[in-house]
PDB file of N, CA and C in Angstrom:
ATOM      1  N   MET A   1       5.555 -15.789   3.140  1.00  0.00           N
ATOM      2  CA  MET A   1       5.052 -15.012   2.021  1.00  0.00           C
ATOM      3  C   MET A   1       3.934 -14.065   2.460  1.00  0.00           C
ATOM      4  N   ASN A   2       3.248 -14.387   3.538  1.00  0.00           N
ATOM      5  CA  ASN A   2       2.168 -13.541   4.028  1.00  0.00           C
ATOM      6  C   ASN A   2       2.672 -12.177   4.484  1.00  0.00           C
ATOM      7  N   TRP A   3       3.889 -12.142   5.041  1.00  0.00           N
ATOM      8  CA  TRP A   3       4.455 -10.880   5.512  1.00  0.00           C
ATOM      9  C   TRP A   3       4.739  -9.933   4.358  1.00  0.00           C
ATOM     10  N   ILE A   4       4.993 -10.466   3.167  1.00  0.00           N
ATOM     11  CA  ILE A   4       5.219  -9.617   1.996  1.00  0.00           C
ATOM     12  C   ILE A   4       3.936  -8.879   1.633  1.00  0.00           C
ATOM     13  N   LYS A   5       2.799  -9.568   1.724  1.00  0.00           N
ATOM     14  CA  LYS A   5       1.514  -8.914   1.458  1.00  0.00           C
ATOM     15  C   LYS A   5       1.262  -7.800   2.462  1.00  0.00           C
ATOM     16  N   ILE A   6       1.574  -8.057   3.711  1.00  0.00           N
ATOM     17  CA  ILE A   6       1.403  -7.049   4.754  1.00  0.00           C
ATOM     18  C   ILE A   6       2.321  -5.860   4.479  1.00  0.00           C
ATOM     19  N   MET A   7       3.558  -6.146   4.105  1.00  0.00           N
ATOM     20  CA  MET A   7       4.516  -5.083   3.819  1.00  0.00           C
ATOM     21  C   MET A   7       4.069  -4.244   2.614  1.00  0.00           C
ATOM     22  N   ILE A   8       3.601  -4.878   1.573  1.00  0.00           N
ATOM     23  CA  ILE A   8       3.140  -4.159   0.385  1.00  0.00           C
ATOM     24  C   ILE A   8       1.917  -3.309   0.715  1.00  0.00           C
ATOM     25  N   THR A   9       0.981  -3.868   1.469  1.00  0.00           N
ATOM     26  CA  THR A   9      -0.205  -3.108   1.870  1.00  0.00           C
ATOM     27  C   THR A   9       0.188  -1.896   2.702  1.00  0.00           C
ATOM     28  N   THR A  10       1.087  -2.097   3.647  1.00  0.00           N
ATOM     29  CA  THR A  10       1.559  -1.002   4.490  1.00  0.00           C
ATOM     30  C   THR A  10       2.226   0.076   3.646  1.00  0.00           C
ATOM     31  N   LEU A  11       3.052  -0.338   2.691  1.00  0.00           N
ATOM     32  CA  LEU A  11       3.722   0.635   1.818  1.00  0.00           C
ATOM     33  C   LEU A  11       2.728   1.396   0.953  1.00  0.00           C
ATOM     34  N   LEU A  12       1.706   0.722   0.470  1.00  0.00           N
ATOM     35  CA  LEU A  12       0.681   1.399  -0.341  1.00  0.00           C
ATOM     36  C   LEU A  12      -0.065   2.447   0.485  1.00  0.00           C
ATOM     37  N   VAL A  13      -0.439   2.077   1.697  1.00  0.00           N
ATOM     38  CA  VAL A  13      -1.150   3.019   2.576  1.00  0.00           C
ATOM     39  C   VAL A  13      -0.239   4.197   2.917  1.00  0.00           C
ATOM     40  N   TRP A  14       1.008   3.905   3.305  1.00  0.00           N
ATOM     41  CA  TRP A  14       1.945   4.968   3.677  1.00  0.00           C
ATOM     42  C   TRP A  14       2.199   5.911   2.505  1.00  0.00           C
ATOM     43  N   ASN A  15       2.393   5.363   1.313  1.00  0.00           N
ATOM     44  CA  ASN A  15       2.648   6.214   0.156  1.00  0.00           C
ATOM     45  C   ASN A  15       1.424   7.030  -0.236  1.00  0.00           C
ATOM     46  N   ALA A  16       0.242   6.505   0.004  1.00  0.00           N
ATOM     47  CA  ALA A  16      -0.977   7.296  -0.205  1.00  0.00           C
ATOM     48  C   ALA A  16      -1.013   8.477   0.773  1.00  0.00           C
ATOM     49  N   ILE A  17      -0.612   8.238   2.018  1.00  0.00           N
ATOM     50  CA  ILE A  17      -0.558   9.303   3.022  1.00  0.00           C
ATOM     51  C   ILE A  17       0.464  10.361   2.603  1.00  0.00           C
ATOM     52  N   VAL A  18       1.627   9.928   2.134  1.00  0.00           N
ATOM     53  CA  VAL A  18       2.665  10.868   1.694  1.00  0.00           C
ATOM     54  C   VAL A  18       2.145  11.686   0.506  1.00  0.00           C
ATOM     55  N   PHE A  19       1.522  11.028  -0.454  1.00  0.00           N
ATOM     56  CA  PHE A  19       0.944  11.702  -1.616  1.00  0.00           C
ATOM     57  C   PHE A  19      -0.054  12.780  -1.183  1.00  0.00           C
ATOM     58  N   ILE A  20      -0.947  12.414  -0.293  1.00  0.00           N
ATOM     59  CA  ILE A  20      -1.960  13.354   0.204  1.00  0.00           C
ATOM     60  C   ILE A  20      -1.304  14.513   0.952  1.00  0.00           C
ATOM     61  N   THR A  21      -0.244  14.219   1.711  1.00  0.00           N
ATOM     62  CA  THR A  21       0.462  15.263   2.450  1.00  0.00           C
ATOM     63  C   THR A  21       1.058  16.296   1.497  1.00  0.00           C
ATOM     64  N   TYR A  22       1.618  15.853   0.383  1.00  0.00           N
ATOM     65  CA  TYR A  22       2.146  16.793  -0.610  1.00  0.00           C
ATOM     66  C   TYR A  22       1.012  17.650  -1.178  1.00  0.00           C
ATOM     67  N   GLY A  23      -0.136  17.049  -1.391  1.00  0.00           N
ATOM     68  CA  GLY A  23      -1.292  17.807  -1.867  1.00  0.00           C
ATOM     69  C   GLY A  23      -1.774  18.829  -0.845  1.00  0.00           C
ATOM     70  N   ILE A  24      -1.786  18.433   0.408  1.00  0.00           N
ATOM     71  CA  ILE A  24      -2.192  19.352   1.484  1.00  0.00           C
ATOM     72  C   ILE A  24      -1.229  20.530   1.556  1.00  0.00           C
ATOM     73  N   ASP A  25       0.072  20.243   1.460  1.00  0.00           N
ATOM     74  CA  ASP A  25       1.057  21.324   1.529  1.00  0.00           C
ATOM     75  C   ASP A  25       0.901  22.279   0.349  1.00  0.00           C
ATOM     76  N   LYS A  26       0.637  21.760  -0.822  1.00  0.00           N
ATOM     77  CA  LYS A  26       0.420  22.610  -2.001  1.00  0.00           C
ATOM     78  C   LYS A  26      -0.803  23.496  -1.793  1.00  0.00           C
ATOM     79  N   ARG A  27      -1.853  22.912  -1.251  1.00  0.00           N
ATOM     80  CA  ARG A  27      -3.073  23.681  -0.996  1.00  0.00           C
ATOM     81  C   ARG A  27      -2.817  24.793   0.025  1.00  0.00           C
ATOM     82  N   LYS A  28      -2.060  24.458   1.066  1.00  0.00           N
ATOM     83  CA  LYS A  28      -1.707  25.464   2.070  1.00  0.00           C
ATOM     84  C   LYS A  28      -0.863  26.572   1.444  1.00  0.00           C
ATOM     85  N   ALA A  29       0.015  26.215   0.538  1.00  0.00           N
ATOM     86  CA  ALA A  29       0.865  27.207  -0.134  1.00  0.00           C
ATOM     87  C   ALA A  29       0.008  28.184  -0.939  1.00  0.00           C
ATOM     88  N   LYS A  30      -0.962  27.664  -1.642  1.00  0.00           N
ATOM     89  CA  LYS A  30      -1.840  28.517  -2.453  1.00  0.00           C
ATOM     90  C   LYS A  30      -2.679  29.455  -1.586  1.00  0.00           C
ATOM     91  N   ARG A  31      -3.018  29.008  -0.390  1.00  0.00           N
ATOM     92  CA  ARG A  31      -3.874  29.792   0.496  1.00  0.00           C
ATOM     93  C   ARG A  31      -3.096  30.658   1.482  1.00  0.00           C
ATOM     94  N   GLY A  32      -1.780  30.571   1.424  1.00  0.00           N
ATOM     95  CA  GLY A  32      -0.948  31.375   2.304  1.00  0.00           C
ATOM     96  C   GLY A  32      -0.996  30.951   3.766  1.00  0.00           C
ATOM     97  N   LYS A  33      -1.281  29.689   4.002  1.00  0.00           N
ATOM     98  CA  LYS A  33      -1.361  29.176   5.376  1.00  0.00           C
ATOM     99  C   LYS A  33      -0.038  28.568   5.798  1.00  0.00           C
ATOM    100  N   GLN A  34       0.039  28.205   7.093  1.00  0.00           N
ATOM    101  CA  GLN A  34       1.264  27.586   7.611  1.00  0.00           C
ATOM    102  C   GLN A  34       1.502  26.260   6.915  1.00  0.00           C
ATOM    103  N   ARG A  35       2.742  26.095   6.444  1.00  0.00           N
ATOM    104  CA  ARG A  35       3.092  24.968   5.604  1.00  0.00           C
ATOM    105  C   ARG A  35       3.675  23.809   6.387  1.00  0.00           C
ATOM    106  N   ILE A  36       3.754  22.676   5.733  1.00  0.00           N
ATOM    107  CA  ILE A  36       4.464  21.512   6.250  1.00  0.00           C
ATOM    108  C   ILE A  36       5.934  21.725   5.885  1.00  0.00           C
ATOM    109  N   SER A  37       6.825  21.511   6.826  1.00  0.00           N
ATOM    110  CA  SER A  37       8.233  21.807   6.574  1.00  0.00           C
ATOM    111  C   SER A  37       8.808  20.908   5.481  1.00  0.00           C
ATOM    112  N   GLU A  38       9.791  21.453   4.775  1.00  0.00           N
ATOM    113  CA  GLU A  38      10.467  20.667   3.739  1.00  0.00           C
ATOM    114  C   GLU A  38      11.140  19.451   4.357  1.00  0.00           C
ATOM    115  N   ALA A  39      11.684  19.626   5.561  1.00  0.00           N
ATOM    116  CA  ALA A  39      12.337  18.506   6.244  1.00  0.00           C
ATOM    117  C   ALA A  39      11.347  17.367   6.483  1.00  0.00           C
ATOM    118  N   THR A  40      10.126  17.706   6.869  1.00  0.00           N
ATOM    119  CA  THR A  40       9.098  16.686   7.102  1.00  0.00           C
ATOM    120  C   THR A  40       8.740  15.978   5.802  1.00  0.00           C
ATOM    121  N   LEU A  41       8.569  16.737   4.735  1.00  0.00           N
ATOM    122  CA  LEU A  41       8.219  16.140   3.446  1.00  0.00           C
ATOM    123  C   LEU A  41       9.321  15.193   2.971  1.00  0.00           C
ATOM    124  N   LEU A  42      10.570  15.622   3.097  1.00  0.00           N
ATOM    125  CA  LEU A  42      11.681  14.760   2.690  1.00  0.00           C
ATOM    126  C   LEU A  42      11.824  13.550   3.615  1.00  0.00           C
ATOM    127  N   PHE A  43      11.590  13.748   4.901  1.00  0.00           N
ATOM    128  CA  PHE A  43      11.691  12.638   5.847  1.00  0.00           C
ATOM    129  C   PHE A  43      10.629  11.578   5.563  1.00  0.00           C
ATOM    130  N   MET A  44       9.441  12.012   5.181  1.00  0.00           N
ATOM    131  CA  MET A  44       8.386  11.064   4.820  1.00  0.00           C
ATOM    132  C   MET A  44       8.807  10.238   3.598  1.00  0.00           C
ATOM    133  N   ALA A  45       9.463  10.899   2.643  1.00  0.00           N
ATOM    134  CA  ALA A  45       9.963  10.184   1.466  1.00  0.00           C
ATOM    135  C   ALA A  45      11.050   9.194   1.877  1.00  0.00           C
ATOM    136  N   PHE A  46      11.914   9.611   2.786  1.00  0.00           N
ATOM    137  CA  PHE A  46      12.986   8.753   3.283  1.00  0.00           C
ATOM    138  C   PHE A  46      12.426   7.503   3.964  1.00  0.00           C
ATOM    139  N   LEU A  47      11.338   7.652   4.693  1.00  0.00           N
ATOM    140  CA  LEU A  47      10.730   6.534   5.422  1.00  0.00           C
ATOM    141  C   LEU A  47       9.839   5.692   4.508  1.00  0.00           C
ATOM    142  N   MET A  48      10.393   5.289   3.378  1.00  0.00           N
ATOM    143  CA  MET A  48       9.720   4.408   2.423  1.00  0.00           C
ATOM    144  C   MET A  48       8.528   5.065   1.728  1.00  0.00           C
ATOM    145  N   GLY A  49       8.531   6.397   1.641  1.00  0.00           N
ATOM    146  CA  GLY A  49       7.445   7.104   0.968  1.00  0.00           C
ATOM    147  C   GLY A  49       7.879   7.777  -0.319  1.00  0.00           C
ATOM    148  N   GLY A  50       8.938   7.269  -0.924  1.00  0.00           N
ATOM    149  CA  GLY A  50       9.486   7.889  -2.129  1.00  0.00           C
ATOM    150  C   GLY A  50       8.534   7.938  -3.296  1.00  0.00           C
ATOM    151  N   ILE A  51       7.782   6.876  -3.516  1.00  0.00           N
ATOM    152  CA  ILE A  51       6.855   6.860  -4.659  1.00  0.00           C
ATOM    153  C   ILE A  51       5.702   7.834  -4.435  1.00  0.00           C
ATOM    154  N   GLY A  52       5.203   7.903  -3.210  1.00  0.00           N
ATOM    155  CA  GLY A  52       4.136   8.859  -2.901  1.00  0.00           C
ATOM    156  C   GLY A  52       4.606  10.285  -3.046  1.00  0.00           C
ATOM    157  N   ALA A  53       5.856  10.550  -2.624  1.00  0.00           N
ATOM    158  CA  ALA A  53       6.432  11.885  -2.743  1.00  0.00           C
ATOM    159  C   ALA A  53       6.608  12.268  -4.209  1.00  0.00           C
ATOM    160  N   LEU A  54       7.167  11.358  -4.993  1.00  0.00           N
ATOM    161  CA  LEU A  54       7.389  11.653  -6.410  1.00  0.00           C
ATOM    162  C   LEU A  54       6.076  11.863  -7.152  1.00  0.00           C
ATOM    163  N   LEU A  55       5.105  11.001  -6.883  1.00  0.00           N
ATOM    164  CA  LEU A  55       3.794  11.162  -7.526  1.00  0.00           C
ATOM    165  C   LEU A  55       3.107  12.447  -7.063  1.00  0.00           C
ATOM    166  N   GLY A  56       3.260  12.781  -5.786  1.00  0.00           N
ATOM    167  CA  GLY A  56       2.686  14.020  -5.261  1.00  0.00           C
ATOM    168  C   GLY A  56       3.321  15.240  -5.893  1.00  0.00           C
ATOM    169  N   MET A  57       4.628  15.199  -6.061  1.00  0.00           N
ATOM    170  CA  MET A  57       5.317  16.309  -6.720  1.00  0.00           C
ATOM    171  C   MET A  57       4.793  16.506  -8.135  1.00  0.00           C
ATOM    172  N   ARG A  58       4.626  15.428  -8.829  1.00  0.00           N
ATOM    173  CA  ARG A  58       4.176  15.518 -10.225  1.00  0.00           C
ATOM    174  C   ARG A  58       2.700  15.893 -10.338  1.00  0.00           C
ATOM    175  N   ALA A  59       1.863  15.255  -9.545  1.00  0.00           N
ATOM    176  CA  ALA A  59       0.418  15.487  -9.642  1.00  0.00           C
ATOM    177  C   ALA A  59       0.040  16.907  -9.235  1.00  0.00           C
ATOM    178  N   PHE A  60       0.699  17.415  -8.189  1.00  0.00           N
ATOM    179  CA  PHE A  60       0.345  18.732  -7.663  1.00  0.00           C
ATOM    180  C   PHE A  60       1.294  19.825  -8.142  1.00  0.00           C
ATOM    181  N   LYS A  61       2.277  19.448  -8.969  1.00  0.00           N
ATOM    182  CA  LYS A  61       3.303  20.393  -9.427  1.00  0.00           C
ATOM    183  C   LYS A  61       3.868  21.150  -8.237  1.00  0.00           C
ATOM    184  N   HIS A  62       4.303  20.356  -7.260  1.00  0.00           N
ATOM    185  CA  HIS A  62       4.733  20.904  -5.977  1.00  0.00           C
ATOM    186  C   HIS A  62       6.187  20.544  -5.699  1.00  0.00           C
ATOM    187  N   LYS A  63       6.985  21.544  -5.367  1.00  0.00           N
ATOM    188  CA  LYS A  63       8.408  21.387  -5.017  1.00  0.00           C
ATOM    189  C   LYS A  63       9.233  20.900  -6.206  1.00  0.00           C
ATOM    190  N   THR A  64       8.726  21.072  -7.407  1.00  0.00           N
ATOM    191  CA  THR A  64       9.423  20.566  -8.588  1.00  0.00           C
ATOM    192  C   THR A  64      10.600  21.444  -8.999  1.00  0.00           C
ATOM    193  N   LYS A  65      10.664  22.663  -8.501  1.00  0.00           N
ATOM    194  CA  LYS A  65      11.781  23.555  -8.847  1.00  0.00           C
ATOM    195  C   LYS A  65      12.855  23.566  -7.769  1.00  0.00           C
ATOM    196  N   HIS A  66      12.571  22.969  -6.631  1.00  0.00           N
ATOM    197  CA  HIS A  66      13.534  22.906  -5.543  1.00  0.00           C
ATOM    198  C   HIS A  66      14.506  21.757  -5.827  1.00  0.00           C
ATOM    199  N   ILE A  67      15.781  22.095  -5.930  1.00  0.00           N
ATOM    200  CA  ILE A  67      16.788  21.101  -6.323  1.00  0.00           C
ATOM    201  C   ILE A  67      16.855  19.935  -5.340  1.00  0.00           C
ATOM    202  N   LYS A  68      16.678  20.232  -4.030  1.00  0.00           N
ATOM    203  CA  LYS A  68      16.770  19.125  -3.073  1.00  0.00           C
ATOM    204  C   LYS A  68      15.611  18.149  -3.217  1.00  0.00           C
ATOM    205  N   PHE A  69      14.487  18.595  -3.762  1.00  0.00           N
ATOM    206  CA  PHE A  69      13.376  17.687  -4.033  1.00  0.00           C
ATOM    207  C   PHE A  69      13.536  17.050  -5.417  1.00  0.00           C
ATOM    208  N   LYS A  70      13.939  17.866  -6.376  1.00  0.00           N
ATOM    209  CA  LYS A  70      14.090  17.398  -7.752  1.00  0.00           C
ATOM    210  C   LYS A  70      15.099  16.249  -7.842  1.00  0.00           C
ATOM    211  N   ILE A  71      16.163  16.336  -7.055  1.00  0.00           N
ATOM    212  CA  ILE A  71      17.188  15.290  -7.049  1.00  0.00           C
ATOM    213  C   ILE A  71      16.991  14.332  -5.877  1.00  0.00           C
ATOM    214  N   GLY A  72      16.635  14.879  -4.715  1.00  0.00           N
ATOM    215  CA  GLY A  72      16.545  14.084  -3.494  1.00  0.00           C
ATOM    216  C   GLY A  72      15.463  13.025  -3.505  1.00  0.00           C
ATOM    217  N   VAL A  73      14.279  13.383  -3.963  1.00  0.00           N
ATOM    218  CA  VAL A  73      13.168  12.424  -3.933  1.00  0.00           C
ATOM    219  C   VAL A  73      13.431  11.224  -4.847  1.00  0.00           C
ATOM    220  N   PRO A  74      13.904  11.414  -6.082  1.00  0.00           N
ATOM    221  CA  PRO A  74      14.224  10.226  -6.889  1.00  0.00           C
ATOM    222  C   PRO A  74      15.323   9.359  -6.257  1.00  0.00           C
ATOM    223  N   ILE A  75      16.315   9.994  -5.639  1.00  0.00           N
ATOM    224  CA  ILE A  75      17.361   9.222  -4.960  1.00  0.00           C
ATOM    225  C   ILE A  75      16.762   8.428  -3.805  1.00  0.00           C
ATOM    226  N   LEU A  76      15.896   9.077  -3.032  1.00  0.00           N
ATOM    227  CA  LEU A  76      15.241   8.384  -1.924  1.00  0.00           C
ATOM    228  C   LEU A  76      14.370   7.232  -2.430  1.00  0.00           C
ATOM    229  N   LEU A  77      13.726   7.425  -3.563  1.00  0.00           N
ATOM    230  CA  LEU A  77      12.908   6.357  -4.148  1.00  0.00           C
ATOM    231  C   LEU A  77      13.777   5.151  -4.513  1.00  0.00           C
ATOM    232  N   VAL A  78      14.927   5.395  -5.098  1.00  0.00           N
ATOM    233  CA  VAL A  78      15.847   4.297  -5.442  1.00  0.00           C
ATOM    234  C   VAL A  78      16.288   3.572  -4.170  1.00  0.00           C
ATOM    235  N   ILE A  79      16.590   4.340  -3.127  1.00  0.00           N
ATOM    236  CA  ILE A  79      16.969   3.735  -1.848  1.00  0.00           C
ATOM    237  C   ILE A  79      15.808   2.921  -1.286  1.00  0.00           C
ATOM    238  N   ASN A  80      14.590   3.476  -1.366  1.00  0.00           N
ATOM    239  CA  ASN A  80      13.397   2.749  -0.897  1.00  0.00           C
ATOM    240  C   ASN A  80      13.254   1.415  -1.623  1.00  0.00           C
ATOM    241  N   ILE A  81      13.440   1.428  -2.934  1.00  0.00           N
ATOM    242  CA  ILE A  81      13.323   0.203  -3.725  1.00  0.00           C
ATOM    243  C   ILE A  81      14.398  -0.802  -3.317  1.00  0.00           C
ATOM    244  N   ALA A  82      15.623  -0.325  -3.118  1.00  0.00           N
ATOM    245  CA  ALA A  82      16.720  -1.207  -2.705  1.00  0.00           C
ATOM    246  C   ALA A  82      16.434  -1.835  -1.341  1.00  0.00           C
ATOM    247  N   VAL A  83      15.899  -1.052  -0.408  1.00  0.00           N
ATOM    248  CA  VAL A  83      15.562  -1.574   0.919  1.00  0.00           C
ATOM    249  C   VAL A  83      14.460  -2.622   0.804  1.00  0.00           C
ATOM    250  N   PHE A  84      13.448  -2.349  -0.004  1.00  0.00           N
ATOM    251  CA  PHE A  84      12.360  -3.296  -0.193  1.00  0.00           C
ATOM    252  C   PHE A  84      12.881  -4.616  -0.763  1.00  0.00           C
ATOM    253  N   ILE A  85      13.699  -4.521  -1.800  1.00  0.00           N
ATOM    254  CA  ILE A  85      14.257  -5.734  -2.411  1.00  0.00           C
ATOM    255  C   ILE A  85      15.112  -6.494  -1.406  1.00  0.00           C
ATOM    256  N   ALA A  86      15.932  -5.771  -0.660  1.00  0.00           N
ATOM    257  CA  ALA A  86      16.773  -6.430   0.359  1.00  0.00           C
ATOM    258  C   ALA A  86      15.915  -7.154   1.400  1.00  0.00           C
ATOM    259  N   CYS A  87      14.816  -6.539   1.803  1.00  0.00           N
ATOM    260  CA  CYS A  87      13.927  -7.177   2.786  1.00  0.00           C
ATOM    261  C   CYS A  87      13.319  -8.460   2.217  1.00  0.00           C
ATOM    262  N   VAL A  88      12.902  -8.400   0.958  1.00  0.00           N
ATOM    263  CA  VAL A  88      12.297  -9.580   0.329  1.00  0.00           C
ATOM    264  C   VAL A  88      13.333 -10.701   0.198  1.00  0.00           C
ATOM    265  N   ILE A  89      14.547 -10.359  -0.181  1.00  0.00           N
ATOM    266  CA  ILE A  89      15.582 -11.370  -0.404  1.00  0.00           C
ATOM    267  C   ILE A  89      16.095 -11.974   0.926  1.00  0.00           C
ATOM    268  N   PHE A  90      16.338 -11.117   1.898  1.00  0.00           N
ATOM    269  CA  PHE A  90      17.032 -11.575   3.098  1.00  0.00           C
ATOM    270  C   PHE A  90      16.127 -11.934   4.275  1.00  0.00           C
ATOM    271  N   PHE A  91      14.840 -11.654   4.171  1.00  0.00           N
ATOM    272  CA  PHE A  91      13.971 -11.977   5.313  1.00  0.00           C
ATOM    273  C   PHE A  91      12.904 -12.915   4.908  1.00  0.00           C
TER     274      PHE A  91
END
C-alpha cells in the first residue's frame, strides 16, 4: 500500500509540472517568444499528465480551440485513469 502513496505523490507532482508548462507556453505565446511544441505538450499529457494538461488548458485558456487538444487531452486523461486503476488492481 505504501507504493500507492508514492505513485499518487509522483502523479501530483508531475501533473503540477504539466499544468505549469501549459501556463509557461501560454505566457510565451502572449509575448511572442519561442514556444513549447504541441507534440511536447501532448506527450506530457500522454505520460500520465492528462489532468494537469486539462486543468492547464482550462485555467490558462490555452489550446482550447485546437481540435487535437480539445479531443486528445480528455482521451489521454481517460487512458491515464485506466492505467492508474490497472496498476492499483494488478500490482
